[in-house]
């Protein structure tokens, strides 16, 4: 591993560890900050598109330009994200919940079709479809609890990933020979 690559991986692992801890310790605040950041980025991009349209004066060339329309749409999206954070979380959870419910119902139908033709493992598909159907219904009717749990799980995943990446970088830096362990 080259030194610049090791440095990049070290920084990445530390960032993952920090973000993972933040998501675990403060899931609600972290989620809001992420939505605020996306909203701010949309505002900045929308403002840029509007200013760029008038500075470049491409609209005078006779071609159709969408800079102002796109800019206004991004400004409105940014304002919506910033001022309606909880609504955004609920809407996203509801959309995902509906998608999970539809997928689960379709898998229930497939499982029942498999049962009808005598397939051996239809029950596994049936049970997993019921479980995901339950999660979809929970997402639809209790989005904030589910989203909080999902945020914490994402934090744990980032923490584990960052830890393993850090461990790998430290192993590579130490130059320690890799040992193979054979389990009996």
Protein backbone atom coordinates (compact mmCIF):
# COMPACT_ATOMS: atom_id res chain seq x y z
CA UNK A 1 0.00 0.00 0.00
CA UNK A 2 1.41 3.40 -0.94
CA UNK A 3 1.80 6.09 1.73
CA UNK A 4 -0.76 8.49 0.17
CA UNK A 5 -3.28 5.65 -0.08
CA UNK A 6 -2.62 4.66 3.54
CA UNK A 7 -3.11 8.27 4.62
CA UNK A 8 -6.38 8.49 2.69
CA UNK A 9 -7.61 5.23 4.20
CA UNK A 10 -6.57 6.39 7.69
CA UNK A 11 -8.51 9.65 7.30
CA UNK A 12 -11.50 7.79 5.86
CA UNK A 13 -11.56 5.35 8.76
CA UNK A 14 -11.40 8.16 11.32
CA UNK A 15 -14.21 10.04 9.56
CA UNK A 16 -16.31 6.84 9.53
CA UNK A 17 -15.64 6.29 13.23
CA UNK A 18 -16.62 9.86 14.13
CA UNK A 19 -19.75 9.88 11.95
CA UNK A 20 -20.70 6.43 13.23
CA UNK A 21 -20.43 7.60 16.85
CA UNK A 22 -22.45 10.72 16.10
CA UNK A 23 -25.19 8.66 14.43
CA UNK A 24 -25.30 6.29 17.41
CA UNK A 25 -25.17 8.90 20.18
CA UNK A 26 -27.33 11.61 18.57
CA UNK A 27 -29.41 9.95 15.81
CA UNK A 28 -32.14 12.61 15.68
CA UNK A 29 -29.74 15.55 15.60
CA UNK A 30 -27.49 13.83 13.04
CA UNK A 31 -30.44 13.14 10.75
CA UNK A 32 -31.56 16.76 11.02
CA UNK A 33 -28.06 18.03 10.29
CA UNK A 34 -27.87 15.84 7.19
CA UNK A 35 -31.21 17.18 5.93
CA UNK A 36 -30.16 20.76 6.73
CA UNK A 37 -26.90 20.21 4.82
CA UNK A 38 -28.77 18.87 1.78
CA UNK A 39 -31.18 21.82 2.03
CA UNK A 40 -28.29 24.30 2.23
CA UNK A 41 -26.60 22.66 -0.76
CA UNK A 42 -29.84 22.93 -2.75
CA UNK A 43 -30.13 26.61 -1.80
CA UNK A 44 -26.55 27.31 -2.83
CA UNK A 45 -26.91 25.43 -6.11
CA UNK A 46 -30.21 27.16 -6.87
CA UNK A 47 -28.70 30.56 -6.20
CA UNK A 48 -25.69 29.68 -8.34
CA UNK A 49 -27.90 28.59 -11.25
CA UNK A 50 -29.89 31.84 -11.14
CA UNK A 51 -26.82 34.07 -10.90
CA UNK A 52 -25.00 32.05 -13.56
CA UNK A 53 -27.92 32.44 -15.95
CA UNK A 54 -27.83 36.22 -15.76
CA UNK A 55 -24.04 36.56 -15.67
CA UNK A 56 -23.46 34.41 -18.75
CA UNK A 57 -26.28 36.04 -20.68
CA UNK A 58 -26.80 32.78 -22.61
CA UNK A 59 -30.51 33.51 -22.63
CA UNK A 60 -29.81 36.19 -25.24
CA UNK A 61 -28.39 33.61 -27.69
CA UNK A 62 -31.83 32.41 -28.74
CA UNK A 63 -31.48 28.92 -27.25
CA UNK A 64 -33.81 27.71 -24.53
CA UNK A 65 -32.15 27.77 -21.11
CA UNK A 66 -33.53 26.35 -17.87
CA UNK A 67 -31.09 27.95 -15.44
CA UNK A 68 -33.61 30.18 -13.69
CA UNK A 69 -36.29 27.49 -13.50
CA UNK A 70 -33.83 24.95 -12.13
CA UNK A 71 -32.46 27.55 -9.74
CA UNK A 72 -35.91 28.43 -8.39
CA UNK A 73 -36.80 24.74 -8.05
CA UNK A 74 -33.60 24.10 -6.08
CA UNK A 75 -34.21 27.16 -3.90
CA UNK A 76 -37.72 25.94 -3.09
CA UNK A 77 -36.45 22.42 -2.40
CA UNK A 78 -33.75 23.80 -0.12
CA UNK A 79 -36.23 25.93 1.80
CA UNK A 80 -38.61 22.97 2.13
CA UNK A 81 -35.84 20.73 3.46
CA UNK A 82 -34.62 23.32 5.94
CA UNK A 83 -38.00 24.37 7.30
CA UNK A 84 -39.82 21.01 7.19
CA UNK A 85 -37.20 18.52 8.47
CA UNK A 86 -39.65 16.33 10.39
CA UNK A 87 -42.06 16.26 7.46
CA UNK A 88 -39.20 15.20 5.16
CA UNK A 89 -38.29 12.34 7.53
CA UNK A 90 -41.92 11.23 7.75
CA UNK A 91 -42.41 11.45 3.97
CA UNK A 92 -39.25 9.47 3.22
CA UNK A 93 -40.21 6.84 5.79
CA UNK A 94 -43.73 6.63 4.34
CA UNK A 95 -42.47 6.26 0.77
CA UNK A 96 -40.00 3.57 1.81
CA UNK A 97 -42.71 1.92 3.93
CA UNK A 98 -45.11 1.75 0.98
CA UNK A 99 -42.35 0.33 -1.25
CA UNK A 100 -41.49 -2.33 1.35
CA UNK A 101 -45.18 -3.21 1.79
CA UNK A 102 -45.74 -3.58 -1.96
CA UNK A 103 -42.60 -5.69 -2.31
CA UNK A 104 -43.60 -7.86 0.65
CA UNK A 105 -47.11 -8.46 -0.68
CA UNK A 106 -45.65 -9.45 -4.06
CA UNK A 107 -43.26 -11.87 -2.32
CA UNK A 108 -46.19 -13.29 -0.34
CA UNK A 109 -47.93 -13.98 -3.63
CA UNK A 110 -44.80 -15.61 -5.06
CA UNK A 111 -44.48 -17.77 -1.91
CA UNK A 112 -48.10 -18.88 -2.20
CA UNK A 113 -47.60 -19.64 -5.90
CA UNK A 114 -44.54 -21.71 -5.00
CA UNK A 115 -46.59 -23.58 -2.38
CA UNK A 116 -49.28 -24.24 -4.94
CA UNK A 117 -46.82 -25.86 -7.37
CA UNK A 118 -45.21 -27.89 -4.58
CA UNK A 119 -41.88 -26.07 -4.25
CA UNK A 120 -39.89 -27.13 -1.21
CA UNK A 121 -38.77 -23.82 0.33
CA UNK A 122 -41.85 -21.67 -0.13
CA UNK A 123 -42.27 -21.27 3.64
CA UNK A 124 -38.94 -19.42 4.02
CA UNK A 125 -40.00 -16.86 1.43
CA UNK A 126 -43.42 -16.61 3.05
CA UNK A 127 -42.00 -15.94 6.53
CA UNK A 128 -39.45 -13.38 5.31
CA UNK A 129 -42.20 -11.62 3.35
CA UNK A 130 -44.35 -11.45 6.50
CA UNK A 131 -41.43 -10.04 8.52
CA UNK A 132 -40.64 -7.35 5.94
CA UNK A 133 -44.36 -6.60 5.63
CA UNK A 134 -44.36 -5.90 9.37
CA UNK A 135 -41.37 -3.57 9.00
CA UNK A 136 -43.10 -1.77 6.12
CA UNK A 137 -46.26 -1.26 8.16
CA UNK A 138 -44.17 -0.03 11.10
CA UNK A 139 -42.37 2.41 8.79
CA UNK A 140 -45.68 3.68 7.50
CA UNK A 141 -47.36 4.19 10.87
CA UNK A 142 -44.43 4.85 13.22
CA UNK A 143 -41.76 6.41 11.02
CA UNK A 144 -39.74 8.29 13.61
CA UNK A 145 -38.95 5.25 15.76
CA UNK A 146 -37.97 3.15 12.76
CA UNK A 147 -35.89 5.94 11.23
CA UNK A 148 -34.13 6.46 14.57
CA UNK A 149 -33.29 2.76 14.77
CA UNK A 150 -32.12 2.77 11.14
CA UNK A 151 -29.92 5.79 11.87
CA UNK A 152 -28.34 3.99 14.83
CA UNK A 153 -27.80 0.85 12.73
CA UNK A 154 -26.13 2.98 10.04
CA UNK A 155 -23.91 4.42 12.76
CA UNK A 156 -22.95 0.96 13.96
CA UNK A 157 -22.15 -0.11 10.40
CA UNK A 158 -19.96 2.97 9.87
CA UNK A 159 -18.27 2.37 13.23
CA UNK A 160 -17.50 -1.26 12.38
CA UNK A 161 -16.35 -0.37 8.86
CA UNK A 162 -14.16 2.44 10.16
CA UNK A 163 -12.70 0.18 12.83
CA UNK A 164 -11.84 -2.57 10.35
CA UNK A 165 -10.37 -0.07 7.89
CA UNK A 166 -8.28 1.51 10.65
CA UNK A 167 -7.09 -1.90 11.79
CA UNK A 168 -6.12 -2.83 8.22
CA UNK A 169 -4.21 0.42 7.72
CA UNK A 170 -2.38 -0.01 11.01
CA UNK A 171 -1.50 -3.59 10.07
CA UNK A 172 -0.17 -2.42 6.71
CA UNK A 173 1.86 0.37 8.33
CA UNK A 174 3.43 -1.92 10.88
CA UNK A 175 4.57 -4.22 8.11
CA UNK A 176 3.64 -7.20 10.22
CA UNK A 177 3.54 -10.41 8.23
CA UNK A 178 0.10 -11.84 7.73
CA UNK A 179 -0.51 -15.09 9.56
CA UNK A 180 -2.97 -17.69 8.47
CA UNK A 181 -4.90 -19.36 11.27
CA UNK A 182 -6.28 -22.78 10.60
CA UNK A 183 -9.26 -23.73 12.73
CA UNK A 184 -9.79 -27.39 13.50
